[in-house]
C-alpha atoms as a PDB file:
ATOM      1  CA  UNK A   1     -60.186  64.282  83.480  1.00  0.00           C
ATOM      2  CA  UNK A   2     -63.439  64.460  82.515  1.00  0.00           C
ATOM      3  CA  UNK A   3     -66.384  62.041  82.418  1.00  0.00           C
ATOM      4  CA  UNK A   4     -65.813  59.670  79.757  1.00  0.00           C
ATOM      5  CA  UNK A   5     -62.261  59.201  79.833  1.00  0.00           C
ATOM      6  CA  UNK A   6     -62.037  58.037  83.967  1.00  0.00           C
ATOM      7  CA  UNK A   7     -65.102  55.266  82.139  1.00  0.00           C
ATOM      8  CA  UNK A   8     -62.692  53.956  79.872  1.00  0.00           C
ATOM      9  CA  UNK A   9     -59.519  54.086  82.020  1.00  0.00           C
ATOM     10  CA  UNK A  10     -62.199  52.364  84.832  1.00  0.00           C
ATOM     11  CA  UNK A  11     -63.118  49.454  81.858  1.00  0.00           C
ATOM     12  CA  UNK A  12     -59.347  49.337  81.586  1.00  0.00           C
ATOM     13  CA  UNK A  13     -58.801  48.331  85.388  1.00  0.00           C
ATOM     14  CA  UNK A  14     -58.201  51.776  86.755  1.00  0.00           C
ATOM     15  CA  UNK A  15     -59.580  51.814  90.463  1.00  0.00           C
ATOM     16  CA  UNK A  16     -62.003  54.241  91.385  1.00  0.00           C
ATOM     17  CA  UNK A  17     -61.916  55.916  94.949  1.00  0.00           C
ATOM     18  CA  UNK A  18     -64.796  58.165  96.507  1.00  0.00           C
ATOM     19  CA  UNK A  19     -62.960  60.294  98.665  1.00  0.00           C
ATOM     20  CA  UNK A  20     -66.296  62.165  99.899  1.00  0.00           C
ATOM     21  CA  UNK A  21     -66.714  61.983 103.958  1.00  0.00           C
ATOM     22  CA  UNK A  22     -69.196  60.037 105.252  1.00  0.00           C
ATOM     23  CA  UNK A  23     -72.098  62.141 105.573  1.00  0.00           C
ATOM     24  CA  UNK A  24     -71.959  62.989 102.438  1.00  0.00           C
ATOM     25  CA  UNK A  25     -72.680  59.528 100.599  1.00  0.00           C
ATOM     26  CA  UNK A  26     -76.551  59.835 101.885  1.00  0.00           C
ATOM     27  CA  UNK A  27     -77.679  60.016  98.286  1.00  0.00           C
ATOM     28  CA  UNK A  28     -75.297  57.363  97.220  1.00  0.00           C
ATOM     29  CA  UNK A  29     -71.707  56.119  96.074  1.00  0.00           C
ATOM     30  CA  UNK A  30     -70.711  55.618  92.393  1.00  0.00           C
ATOM     31  CA  UNK A  31     -70.897  51.611  91.401  1.00  0.00           C
ATOM     32  CA  UNK A  32     -67.949  49.565  91.785  1.00  0.00           C
ATOM     33  CA  UNK A  33     -66.372  52.597  94.041  1.00  0.00           C
ATOM     34  CA  UNK A  34     -64.170  52.079  97.100  1.00  0.00           C
ATOM     35  CA  UNK A  35     -64.823  54.895  99.864  1.00  0.00           C
ATOM     36  CA  UNK A  36     -61.950  55.982 101.451  1.00  0.00           C
ATOM     37  CA  UNK A  37     -62.021  59.749 102.380  1.00  0.00           C
ATOM     38  CA  UNK A  38     -58.928  62.081 101.916  1.00  0.00           C
ATOM     39  CA  UNK A  39     -57.024  61.055 105.294  1.00  0.00           C
ATOM     40  CA  UNK A  40     -57.607  57.705 105.218  1.00  0.00           C
ATOM     41  CA  UNK A  41     -56.458  57.385 101.219  1.00  0.00           C
ATOM     42  CA  UNK A  42     -53.324  59.130 102.390  1.00  0.00           C
ATOM     43  CA  UNK A  43     -52.355  56.860 105.582  1.00  0.00           C
ATOM     44  CA  UNK A  44     -53.548  53.807 104.169  1.00  0.00           C
ATOM     45  CA  UNK A  45     -52.508  53.376 100.682  1.00  0.00           C
ATOM     46  CA  UNK A  46     -49.088  52.260 100.790  1.00  0.00           C
ATOM     47  CA  UNK A  47     -50.688  49.616 102.698  1.00  0.00           C
ATOM     48  CA  UNK A  48     -52.932  49.036  99.835  1.00  0.00           C
ATOM     49  CA  UNK A  49     -50.345  47.589  97.756  1.00  0.00           C
ATOM     50  CA  UNK A  50     -51.409  49.280  95.106  1.00  0.00           C
ATOM     51  CA  UNK A  51     -49.193  49.268  92.078  1.00  0.00           C
ATOM     52  CA  UNK A  52     -47.797  52.351  90.792  1.00  0.00           C
ATOM     53  CA  UNK A  53     -48.770  52.325  87.363  1.00  0.00           C
ATOM     54  CA  UNK A  54     -52.177  51.668  87.972  1.00  0.00           C
ATOM     55  CA  UNK A  55     -54.532  54.355  87.655  1.00  0.00           C
ATOM     56  CA  UNK A  56     -55.944  55.700  90.689  1.00  0.00           C
ATOM     57  CA  UNK A  57     -59.206  57.945  90.021  1.00  0.00           C
ATOM     58  CA  UNK A  58     -60.345  60.102  92.566  1.00  0.00           C
ATOM     59  CA  UNK A  59     -64.204  61.804  92.867  1.00  0.00           C
ATOM     60  CA  UNK A  60     -64.884  63.955  95.433  1.00  0.00           C
ATOM     61  CA  UNK A  61     -68.490  66.031  95.077  1.00  0.00           C
ATOM     62  CA  UNK A  62     -67.488  68.864  92.573  1.00  0.00           C
ATOM     63  CA  UNK A  63     -63.981  67.696  92.235  1.00  0.00           C
ATOM     64  CA  UNK A  64     -62.088  70.448  93.722  1.00  0.00           C
ATOM     65  CA  UNK A  65     -60.317  68.396  96.705  1.00  0.00           C
ATOM     66  CA  UNK A  66     -59.598  65.257  94.662  1.00  0.00           C
ATOM     67  CA  UNK A  67     -57.812  67.500  92.164  1.00  0.00           C
ATOM     68  CA  UNK A  68     -56.032  68.835  94.986  1.00  0.00           C
ATOM     69  CA  UNK A  69     -55.610  64.881  96.352  1.00  0.00           C
ATOM     70  CA  UNK A  70     -54.688  63.321  93.261  1.00  0.00           C
ATOM     71  CA  UNK A  71     -51.475  66.206  93.042  1.00  0.00           C
ATOM     72  CA  UNK A  72     -50.661  65.245  96.081  1.00  0.00           C
ATOM     73  CA  UNK A  73     -50.614  61.126  95.548  1.00  0.00           C
ATOM     74  CA  UNK A  74     -48.331  62.175  92.284  1.00  0.00           C
ATOM     75  CA  UNK A  75     -45.482  63.781  94.921  1.00  0.00           C
ATOM     76  CA  UNK A  76     -45.862  61.078  97.136  1.00  0.00           C
ATOM     77  CA  UNK A  77     -45.557  58.159  94.420  1.00  0.00           C
ATOM     78  CA  UNK A  78     -48.439  57.372  92.684  1.00  0.00           C
ATOM     79  CA  UNK A  79     -47.955  58.960  89.344  1.00  0.00           C
ATOM     80  CA  UNK A  80     -51.295  57.828  87.813  1.00  0.00           C
ATOM     81  CA  UNK A  81     -53.460  59.208  90.721  1.00  0.00           C
ATOM     82  CA  UNK A  82     -56.075  61.802  88.262  1.00  0.00           C
ATOM     83  CA  UNK A  83     -59.066  63.125  89.476  1.00  0.00           C
ATOM     84  CA  UNK A  84     -62.826  62.482  87.864  1.00  0.00           C
ATOM     85  CA  UNK A  85     -63.691  66.223  86.577  1.00  0.00           C
ATOM     86  CA  UNK A  86     -67.199  67.809  88.213  1.00  0.00           C
ATOM     87  CA  UNK A  87     -66.951  64.807  90.844  1.00  0.00           C
ATOM     88  CA  UNK A  88     -70.001  62.957  92.035  1.00  0.00           C
ATOM     89  CA  UNK A  89     -72.089  65.819  90.711  1.00  0.00           C
ATOM     90  CA  UNK A  90     -71.140  64.707  86.876  1.00  0.00           C
ATOM     91  CA  UNK A  91     -71.602  61.104  87.548  1.00  0.00           C
ATOM     92  CA  UNK A  92     -74.998  61.610  88.213  1.00  0.00           C
ATOM     93  CA  UNK A  93     -75.931  64.284  85.467  1.00  0.00           C
ATOM     94  CA  UNK A  94     -74.343  61.495  83.140  1.00  0.00           C
ATOM     95  CA  UNK A  95     -76.583  58.947  84.168  1.00  0.00           C
ATOM     96  CA  UNK A  96     -73.939  56.300  85.593  1.00  0.00           C
ATOM     97  CA  UNK A  97     -75.122  53.654  88.143  1.00  0.00           C
ATOM     98  CA  UNK A  98     -75.182  54.531  91.585  1.00  0.00           C
ATOM     99  CA  UNK A  99     -75.197  52.766  94.464  1.00  0.00           C
ATOM    100  CA  UNK A 100     -77.750  53.316  97.173  1.00  0.00           C
ATOM    101  CA  UNK A 101     -75.989  55.101 100.165  1.00  0.00           C
ATOM    102  CA  UNK A 102     -77.078  53.987 103.499  1.00  0.00           C
ATOM    103  CA  UNK A 103     -76.255  56.599 106.680  1.00  0.00           C
ATOM    104  CA  UNK A 104     -77.133  56.163 109.703  1.00  0.00           C
ATOM    105  CA  UNK A 105     -79.929  58.259 110.990  1.00  0.00           C
ATOM    106  CA  UNK A 106     -77.573  61.149 113.230  1.00  0.00           C
ATOM    107  CA  UNK A 107     -75.107  61.083 110.915  1.00  0.00           C
ATOM    108  CA  UNK A 108     -77.638  61.763 108.024  1.00  0.00           C
ATOM    109  CA  UNK A 109     -79.569  64.978 110.212  1.00  0.00           C
ATOM    110  CA  UNK A 110     -76.538  66.790 111.007  1.00  0.00           C
ATOM    111  CA  UNK A 111     -74.602  66.337 107.180  1.00  0.00           C
ATOM    112  CA  UNK A 112     -74.708  69.772 106.924  1.00  0.00           C
ATOM    113  CA  UNK A 113     -73.073  70.660 110.333  1.00  0.00           C
ATOM    114  CA  UNK A 114     -70.501  67.793 110.186  1.00  0.00           C
ATOM    115  CA  UNK A 115     -69.545  69.009 106.233  1.00  0.00           C
ATOM    116  CA  UNK A 116     -68.076  72.464 108.776  1.00  0.00           C
ATOM    117  CA  UNK A 117     -64.611  72.613 109.731  1.00  0.00           C
ATOM    118  CA  UNK A 118     -66.055  74.308 112.850  1.00  0.00           C
ATOM    119  CA  UNK A 119     -68.540  72.199 114.113  1.00  0.00           C
ATOM    120  CA  UNK A 120     -67.504  68.380 112.094  1.00  0.00           C
ATOM    121  CA  UNK A 121     -68.430  65.393 114.715  1.00  0.00           C
ATOM    122  CA  UNK A 122     -65.888  66.996 118.169  1.00  0.00           C
ATOM    123  CA  UNK A 123     -68.328  69.893 117.684  1.00  0.00           C
ATOM    124  CA  UNK A 124     -72.115  68.215 117.176  1.00  0.00           C
ATOM    125  CA  UNK A 125     -70.901  65.750 120.138  1.00  0.00           C
ATOM    126  CA  UNK A 126     -70.962  69.391 122.132  1.00  0.00           C
ATOM    127  CA  UNK A 127     -74.355  70.287 120.808  1.00  0.00           C
ATOM    128  CA  UNK A 128     -75.574  67.000 121.642  1.00  0.00           C
ATOM    129  CA  UNK A 129     -73.857  66.845 125.372  1.00  0.00           C
ATOM    130  CA  UNK A 130     -75.247  70.680 125.682  1.00  0.00           C
ATOM    131  CA  UNK A 131     -78.089  71.862 128.192  1.00  0.00           C
ATOM    132  CA  UNK A 132     -79.815  74.614 127.376  1.00  0.00           C
ATOM    133  CA  UNK A 133     -82.714  76.738 129.448  1.00  0.00           C
ATOM    134  CA  UNK A 134     -85.124  78.099 127.160  1.00  0.00           C
ATOM    135  CA  UNK A 135     -87.029  81.085 129.459  1.00  0.00           C
ATOM    136  CA  UNK A 136     -90.314  81.760 127.362  1.00  0.00           C
ATOM    137  CA  UNK A 137     -92.291  79.748 124.523  1.00  0.00           C
ATOM    138  CA  UNK A 138     -93.719  82.640 123.383  1.00  0.00           C
ATOM    139  CA  UNK A 139     -92.595  84.755 120.466  1.00  0.00           C
ATOM    140  CA  UNK A 140     -88.652  84.102 120.875  1.00  0.00           C
ATOM    141  CA  UNK A 141     -89.147  80.979 122.539  1.00  0.00           C
ATOM    142  CA  UNK A 142     -90.422  80.042 119.073  1.00  0.00           C
ATOM    143  CA  UNK A 143     -87.973  80.079 117.006  1.00  0.00           C
ATOM    144  CA  UNK A 144     -85.124  79.576 119.641  1.00  0.00           C
ATOM    145  CA  UNK A 145     -86.699  76.727 120.338  1.00  0.00           C
ATOM    146  CA  UNK A 146     -86.697  75.098 117.373  1.00  0.00           C
ATOM    147  CA  UNK A 147     -83.499  75.641 115.787  1.00  0.00           C
ATOM    148  CA  UNK A 148     -82.199  74.339 119.206  1.00  0.00           C
ATOM    149  CA  UNK A 149     -83.885  71.368 118.606  1.00  0.00           C
ATOM    150  CA  UNK A 150     -82.847  70.875 114.846  1.00  0.00           C
ATOM    151  CA  UNK A 151     -79.062  71.936 115.714  1.00  0.00           C
ATOM    152  CA  UNK A 152     -79.168  68.963 118.052  1.00  0.00           C
ATOM    153  CA  UNK A 153     -78.748  70.525 120.789  1.00  0.00           C
ATOM    154  CA  UNK A 154     -78.928  67.111 123.311  1.00  0.00           C
ATOM    155  CA  UNK A 155     -81.006  68.912 126.407  1.00  0.00           C
ATOM    156  CA  UNK A 156     -83.471  71.899 125.742  1.00  0.00           C
ATOM    157  CA  UNK A 157     -85.528  72.920 129.015  1.00  0.00           C
ATOM    158  CA  UNK A 158     -88.891  75.110 128.335  1.00  0.00           C
ATOM    159  CA  UNK A 159     -90.432  76.751 130.639  1.00  0.00           C
ATOM    160  CA  UNK A 160     -93.489  79.038 130.741  1.00  0.00           C
ATOM    161  CA  UNK A 161     -97.158  79.238 132.712  1.00  0.00           C
ATOM    162  CA  UNK A 162     -99.061  80.233 129.856  1.00  0.00           C
ATOM    163  CA  UNK A 163    -101.407  78.720 127.280  1.00  0.00           C
ATOM    164  CA  UNK A 164    -101.944  79.195 123.743  1.00  0.00           C
ATOM    165  CA  UNK A 165    -104.318  81.694 122.629  1.00  0.00           C
ATOM    166  CA  UNK A 166    -105.240  82.415 119.063  1.00  0.00           C
ATOM    167  CA  UNK A 167    -103.416  85.850 118.939  1.00  0.00           C
ATOM    168  CA  UNK A 168    -100.272  83.865 119.766  1.00  0.00           C
ATOM    169  CA  UNK A 169    -100.145  82.552 115.938  1.00  0.00           C
ATOM    170  CA  UNK A 170     -98.981  85.286 114.578  1.00  0.00           C
ATOM    171  CA  UNK A 171     -95.477  85.189 115.634  1.00  0.00           C
ATOM    172  CA  UNK A 172     -95.458  82.408 117.870  1.00  0.00           C
ATOM    173  CA  UNK A 173     -94.723  79.777 115.461  1.00  0.00           C
ATOM    174  CA  UNK A 174     -93.928  76.770 117.415  1.00  0.00           C
ATOM    175  CA  UNK A 175     -97.633  76.246 118.366  1.00  0.00           C
ATOM    176  CA  UNK A 176    -100.447  75.991 115.746  1.00  0.00           C
ATOM    177  CA  UNK A 177    -104.399  76.248 115.590  1.00  0.00           C
ATOM    178  CA  UNK A 178    -105.244  73.028 117.540  1.00  0.00           C
ATOM    179  CA  UNK A 179    -103.280  73.647 120.121  1.00  0.00           C
ATOM    180  CA  UNK A 180    -105.576  76.959 121.310  1.00  0.00           C
ATOM    181  CA  UNK A 181    -105.840  76.328 125.118  1.00  0.00           C
ATOM    182  CA  UNK A 182    -103.019  74.036 125.492  1.00  0.00           C
ATOM    183  CA  UNK A 183    -100.140  74.593 127.910  1.00  0.00           C
ATOM    184  CA  UNK A 184     -97.590  76.353 125.901  1.00  0.00           C
ATOM    185  CA  UNK A 185     -94.532  74.419 126.782  1.00  0.00           C
ATOM    186  CA  UNK A 186     -96.741  70.486 126.183  1.00  0.00           C
ATOM    187  CA  UNK A 187     -97.451  72.340 122.364  1.00  0.00           C
ATOM    188  CA  UNK A 188     -93.267  73.505 122.384  1.00  0.00           C
ATOM    189  CA  UNK A 189     -92.137  70.315 123.349  1.00  0.00           C
ATOM    190  CA  UNK A 190     -94.642  68.042 121.124  1.00  0.00           C
ATOM    191  CA  UNK A 191     -93.512  69.925 117.961  1.00  0.00           C
ATOM    192  CA  UNK A 192     -89.535  69.753 119.264  1.00  0.00           C
ATOM    193  CA  UNK A 193     -89.722  66.430 119.537  1.00  0.00           C
ATOM    194  CA  UNK A 194     -91.329  65.681 116.456  1.00  0.00           C
ATOM    195  CA  UNK A 195     -88.381  68.094 114.936  1.00  0.00           C
ATOM    196  CA  UNK A 196     -86.071  66.177 116.542  1.00  0.00           C
ATOM    197  CA  UNK A 197     -86.635  62.880 117.876  1.00  0.00           C
ATOM    198  CA  UNK A 198     -82.926  62.350 119.244  1.00  0.00           C
ATOM    199  CA  UNK A 199     -83.177  65.386 122.174  1.00  0.00           C
ATOM    200  CA  UNK A 200     -84.148  65.523 125.465  1.00  0.00           C
ATOM    201  CA  UNK A 201     -86.894  67.693 126.158  1.00  0.00           C
ATOM    202  CA  UNK A 202     -88.213  68.875 129.871  1.00  0.00           C
ATOM    203  CA  UNK A 203     -91.269  70.949 129.954  1.00  0.00           C
ATOM    204  CA  UNK A 204     -91.987  72.861 133.157  1.00  0.00           C
ATOM    205  CA  UNK A 205     -95.535  74.578 133.546  1.00  0.00           C
ATOM    206  CA  UNK A 206     -94.214  77.137 135.869  1.00  0.00           C
ATOM    207  CA  UNK A 207     -93.171  80.431 136.217  1.00  0.00           C
ATOM    208  CA  UNK A 208     -89.944  81.460 137.090  1.00  0.00           C
ATOM    209  CA  UNK A 209     -89.419  82.901 140.705  1.00  0.00           C
ATOM    210  CA  UNK A 210     -86.877  83.032 143.233  1.00  0.00           C
ATOM    211  CA  UNK A 211     -87.523  79.783 144.179  1.00  0.00           C
ATOM    212  CA  UNK A 212     -86.881  77.859 141.030  1.00  0.00           C
ATOM    213  CA  UNK A 213     -84.466  80.647 139.272  1.00  0.00           C
ATOM    214  CA  UNK A 214     -80.883  79.366 140.834  1.00  0.00           C
ATOM    215  CA  UNK A 215     -81.767  75.486 140.339  1.00  0.00           C
ATOM    216  CA  UNK A 216     -82.557  75.381 136.760  1.00  0.00           C
ATOM    217  CA  UNK A 217     -79.645  78.295 135.912  1.00  0.00           C
ATOM    218  CA  UNK A 218     -77.193  76.097 138.041  1.00  0.00           C
ATOM    219  CA  UNK A 219     -78.203  72.744 135.841  1.00  0.00           C
ATOM    220  CA  UNK A 220     -77.916  74.429 132.214  1.00  0.00           C
ATOM    221  CA  UNK A 221     -75.103  76.127 130.392  1.00  0.00           C
ATOM    222  CA  UNK A 222     -76.478  78.824 129.458  1.00  0.00           C
ATOM    223  CA  UNK A 223     -80.168  80.848 129.485  1.00  0.00           C
ATOM    224  CA  UNK A 224     -81.704  82.137 126.977  1.00  0.00           C
ATOM    225  CA  UNK A 225     -84.314  84.928 127.518  1.00  0.00           C
ATOM    226  CA  UNK A 226     -87.588  84.858 125.813  1.00  0.00           C
ATOM    227  CA  UNK A 227     -89.917  86.631 128.599  1.00  0.00           C
ATOM    228  CA  UNK A 228     -91.060  89.931 127.683  1.00  0.00           C
ATOM    229  CA  UNK A 229     -90.806  91.879 131.288  1.00  0.00           C
ATOM    230  CA  UNK A 230     -88.499  93.436 132.553  1.00  0.00           C
ATOM    231  CA  UNK A 231     -88.935  91.511 136.685  1.00  0.00           C
ATOM    232  CA  UNK A 232     -88.018  88.275 134.604  1.00  0.00           C
ATOM    233  CA  UNK A 233     -84.726  89.764 132.969  1.00  0.00           C
ATOM    234  CA  UNK A 234     -83.458  91.202 135.971  1.00  0.00           C
ATOM    235  CA  UNK A 235     -84.170  87.559 137.990  1.00  0.00           C
ATOM    236  CA  UNK A 236     -82.503  85.663 134.784  1.00  0.00           C
ATOM    237  CA  UNK A 237     -79.243  88.013 135.111  1.00  0.00           C
ATOM    238  CA  UNK A 238     -78.947  87.612 138.670  1.00  0.00           C
ATOM    239  CA  UNK A 239     -78.971  84.001 138.692  1.00  0.00           C
ATOM    240  CA  UNK A 240     -76.763  84.399 135.509  1.00  0.00           C
ATOM    241  CA  UNK A 241     -74.134  86.499 137.870  1.00  0.00           C
ATOM    242  CA  UNK A 242     -74.121  83.864 140.512  1.00  0.00           C
ATOM    243  CA  UNK A 243     -73.914  81.020 138.470  1.00  0.00           C
ATOM    244  CA  UNK A 244     -71.316  82.077 136.081  1.00  0.00           C
ATOM    245  CA  UNK A 245     -73.859  81.380 133.080  1.00  0.00           C
ATOM    246  CA  UNK A 246     -74.108  83.484 130.024  1.00  0.00           C
ATOM    247  CA  UNK A 247     -77.899  85.089 129.433  1.00  0.00           C
ATOM    248  CA  UNK A 248     -78.879  85.574 125.625  1.00  0.00           C
ATOM    249  CA  UNK A 249     -80.918  88.562 125.658  1.00  0.00           C
ATOM    250  CA  UNK A 250     -83.668  89.130 123.347  1.00  0.00           C
ATOM    251  CA  UNK A 251     -86.512  91.905 122.397  1.00  0.00           C
ATOM    252  CA  UNK A 252     -88.673  93.028 120.043  1.00  0.00           C
ATOM    253  CA  UNK A 253     -91.759  96.113 119.996  1.00  0.00           C
ATOM    254  CA  UNK A 254     -93.266  97.389 116.939  1.00  0.00           C
ATOM    255  CA  UNK A 255     -90.470  96.743 114.248  1.00  0.00           C
ATOM    256  CA  UNK A 256     -87.665  97.144 116.082  1.00  0.00           C
ATOM    257  CA  UNK A 257     -85.704  93.658 117.946  1.00  0.00           C
ATOM    258  CA  UNK A 258     -82.228  93.492 119.931  1.00  0.00           C
ATOM    259  CA  UNK A 259     -80.221  91.261 121.252  1.00  0.00           C
ATOM    260  CA  UNK A 260     -76.919  90.648 123.395  1.00  0.00           C
ATOM    261  CA  UNK A 261     -75.290  87.970 125.380  1.00  0.00           C
ATOM    262  CA  UNK A 262     -74.819  89.099 129.423  1.00  0.00           C
ATOM    263  CA  UNK A 263     -71.498  87.447 130.568  1.00  0.00           C
ATOM    264  CA  UNK A 264     -70.049  89.074 132.923  1.00  0.00           C
ATOM    265  CA  UNK A 265     -67.708  87.171 135.018  1.00  0.00           C
ATOM    266  CA  UNK A 266     -64.152  88.903 133.639  1.00  0.00           C
ATOM    267  CA  UNK A 267     -64.172  91.896 135.197  1.00  0.00           C
ATOM    268  CA  UNK A 268     -65.233  93.641 131.939  1.00  0.00           C
ATOM    269  CA  UNK A 269     -68.080  92.317 129.915  1.00  0.00           C
ATOM    270  CA  UNK A 270     -71.660  94.130 131.917  1.00  0.00           C
ATOM    271  CA  UNK A 271     -74.131  92.725 133.047  1.00  0.00           C
ATOM    272  CA  UNK A 272     -77.909  93.185 132.069  1.00  0.00           C
ATOM    273  CA  UNK A 273     -78.805  95.299 134.841  1.00  0.00           C
ATOM    274  CA  UNK A 274     -75.883  97.250 133.589  1.00  0.00           C
ATOM    275  CA  UNK A 275     -77.984  98.214 130.512  1.00  0.00           C
ATOM    276  CA  UNK A 276     -81.270  98.533 132.672  1.00  0.00           C
ATOM    277  CA  UNK A 277     -80.258  99.554 136.129  1.00  0.00           C
ATOM    278  CA  UNK A 278     -83.612 100.109 136.823  1.00  0.00           C
ATOM    279  CA  UNK A 279     -86.952  99.408 135.472  1.00  0.00           C
ATOM    280  CA  UNK A 280     -88.754 101.185 133.074  1.00  0.00           C
ATOM    281  CA  UNK A 281     -92.716 102.816 133.394  1.00  0.00           C
ATOM    282  CA  UNK A 282     -95.160 101.342 131.313  1.00  0.00           C
ATOM    283  CA  UNK A 283     -95.149 104.455 129.466  1.00  0.00           C
ATOM    284  CA  UNK A 284     -91.915 104.453 128.730  1.00  0.00           C
ATOM    285  CA  UNK A 285     -91.410 100.539 127.490  1.00  0.00           C
ATOM    286  CA  UNK A 286     -95.211  98.975 126.530  1.00  0.00           C
ATOM    287  CA  UNK A 287     -95.354  95.146 126.210  1.00  0.00           C
ATOM    288  CA  UNK A 288     -96.564  94.004 122.816  1.00  0.00           C
ATOM    289  CA  UNK A 289    -100.372  93.566 123.478  1.00  0.00           C
ATOM    290  CA  UNK A 290    -100.132  97.322 124.022  1.00  0.00           C
ATOM    291  CA  UNK A 291     -97.988  98.545 120.932  1.00  0.00           C
ATOM    292  CA  UNK A 292     -97.916  95.630 118.846  1.00  0.00           C
ATOM    293  CA  UNK A 293     -95.218  94.024 116.786  1.00  0.00           C
ATOM    294  CA  UNK A 294     -94.644  92.859 113.404  1.00  0.00           C
ATOM    295  CA  UNK A 295     -94.998  88.918 112.904  1.00  0.00           C
ATOM    296  CA  UNK A 296     -91.795  88.226 111.927  1.00  0.00           C
ATOM    297  CA  UNK A 297     -89.560  90.001 113.798  1.00  0.00           C
ATOM    298  CA  UNK A 298     -89.829  87.306 116.878  1.00  0.00           C
ATOM    299  CA  UNK A 299     -88.556  85.082 114.102  1.00  0.00           C
ATOM    300  CA  UNK A 300     -85.564  87.341 113.460  1.00  0.00           C
ATOM    301  CA  UNK A 301     -84.514  87.814 116.798  1.00  0.00           C
ATOM    302  CA  UNK A 302     -84.898  84.617 118.092  1.00  0.00           C
ATOM    303  CA  UNK A 303     -83.268  82.964 115.616  1.00  0.00           C
ATOM    304  CA  UNK A 304     -80.175  85.322 116.202  1.00  0.00           C
ATOM    305  CA  UNK A 305     -80.247  84.168 119.791  1.00  0.00           C
ATOM    306  CA  UNK A 306     -80.631  80.411 118.616  1.00  0.00           C
ATOM    307  CA  UNK A 307     -77.377  81.427 116.676  1.00  0.00           C
ATOM    308  CA  UNK A 308     -75.348  82.844 119.813  1.00  0.00           C
ATOM    309  CA  UNK A 309     -76.297  79.769 121.900  1.00  0.00           C
ATOM    310  CA  UNK A 310     -74.391  77.754 119.023  1.00  0.00           C
ATOM    311  CA  UNK A 311     -71.428  79.800 119.315  1.00  0.00           C
ATOM    312  CA  UNK A 312     -71.125  80.133 122.727  1.00  0.00           C
ATOM    313  CA  UNK A 313     -71.774  76.020 123.081  1.00  0.00           C
ATOM    314  CA  UNK A 314     -69.047  75.793 120.157  1.00  0.00           C
ATOM    315  CA  UNK A 315     -66.607  78.119 121.115  1.00  0.00           C
ATOM    316  CA  UNK A 316     -66.954  79.556 117.632  1.00  0.00           C
ATOM    317  CA  UNK A 317     -66.974  83.038 116.534  1.00  0.00           C
ATOM    318  CA  UNK A 318     -67.663  86.788 118.172  1.00  0.00           C
ATOM    319  CA  UNK A 319     -70.083  86.243 120.586  1.00  0.00           C
ATOM    320  CA  UNK A 320     -72.134  89.579 121.162  1.00  0.00           C
ATOM    321  CA  UNK A 321     -70.528  90.114 124.392  1.00  0.00           C
ATOM    322  CA  UNK A 322     -70.610  93.636 125.330  1.00  0.00           C
ATOM    323  CA  UNK A 323     -72.237  94.558 122.453  1.00  0.00           C
ATOM    324  CA  UNK A 324     -75.772  95.154 121.476  1.00  0.00           C
ATOM    325  CA  UNK A 325     -76.956  94.096 117.885  1.00  0.00           C
ATOM    326  CA  UNK A 326     -80.486  96.380 116.797  1.00  0.00           C
ATOM    327  CA  UNK A 327     -82.615  95.068 114.110  1.00  0.00           C
ATOM    328  CA  UNK A 328     -85.179  98.007 112.607  1.00  0.00           C
ATOM    329  CA  UNK A 329     -87.899  95.879 109.999  1.00  0.00           C
ATOM    330  CA  UNK A 330     -89.080  98.898 108.457  1.00  0.00           C
ATOM    331  CA  UNK A 331     -85.426 100.316 107.828  1.00  0.00           C
ATOM    332  CA  UNK A 332     -84.008  96.811 107.086  1.00  0.00           C
ATOM    333  CA  UNK A 333     -80.905  97.538 108.902  1.00  0.00           C
ATOM    334  CA  UNK A 334     -78.836  96.063 111.306  1.00  0.00           C
ATOM    335  CA  UNK A 335     -77.159  98.542 114.079  1.00  0.00           C
ATOM    336  CA  UNK A 336     -74.446  97.845 116.562  1.00  0.00           C
ATOM    337  CA  UNK A 337     -74.370  99.492 120.369  1.00  0.00           C
ATOM    338  CA  UNK A 338     -71.009  98.914 121.958  1.00  0.00           C
ATOM    339  CA  UNK A 339     -71.977  98.335 126.045  1.00  0.00           C
ATOM    340  CA  UNK A 340     -69.659  98.733 128.721  1.00  0.00           C
ATOM    341  CA  UNK A 341     -69.687  98.043 132.279  1.00  0.00           C
ATOM    342  CA  UNK A 342     -71.268 100.135 134.780  1.00  0.00           C
ATOM    343  CA  UNK A 343     -68.645 100.821 137.481  1.00  0.00           C
ATOM    344  CA  UNK A 344     -71.196 101.342 140.106  1.00  0.00           C
ATOM    345  CA  UNK A 345     -73.386  98.177 139.105  1.00  0.00           C
ATOM    346  CA  UNK A 346     -73.500  96.327 142.799  1.00  0.00           C
ATOM    347  CA  UNK A 347     -74.611  92.916 141.070  1.00  0.00           C
ATOM    348  CA  UNK A 348     -71.577  92.426 138.426  1.00  0.00           C
ATOM    349  CA  UNK A 349     -69.118  94.637 140.644  1.00  0.00           C
ATOM    350  CA  UNK A 350     -68.049  91.180 142.722  1.00  0.00           C
ATOM    351  CA  UNK A 351     -68.304  88.297 139.221  1.00  0.00           C
END
């Protein structure tokens, strides 16, 4: 029913029920309404003592959920159940009184996650309990770290022994000009904590090597590879194989980037060495300092790495396992290559 008719019924004693979820009420609730989300209303209405001839006006965000729930309540024996057309949006547009909503900081922060059935409260808790190791606080690590922090990944460890150089700032967006000369992990950790004070950030000003890689990989659920050289990637790959941890790989050069998830261990998925069995020469694989890189490209690839990490933590979607996703920024195209396990790869043969 339209807003004006709903107001007339409210003046005559109708009950207004806000069926939105708690995290949707941060902008406020209609004055005088009773907040009861859909599930609560269906289970509690028999015990509420509401006469079946009293009008029940249901309100959601835009009027769709309330319409469906009103029809359900009518079937359950409350013939006067009706939906307020346009929901809370129409209520506010009409300038009607609103009581300020109060949400705890965590619920307010993750409201858009909580609204996703694939995430919800259980998924957000999984993110909060998760532990992710980020290798590198550079071009790929910058967007990955920021988005994982924003998403509420509760325990992030970032390792890098480099310092911020002014040439980094064209693409390494987690750093800023005043931080030039500072250790990258300290600069990154400070930014991540400012973005989300609710998470735990561990900054390791060290180089990943044979002496620390196994302990670090074992302490985390997955590893995001933000490195820029084959030696480090082989090191991560081998430790992930030993510890049965997924490696979220990313690489960029000039105008092209690629991302994949290496999760060997099921006897079918390939590892990083299946794709690159031997290190390429400097001529075949120049680094960004020599060949250059479009500044926004690491942002795209690092964000995709963060996306894959979140999917793995939540157990949703189709991760890029056995698939290499390639992005050509100049052409504006994505392409996908199916990856197969090398039966002669001695590194993942026994995994």
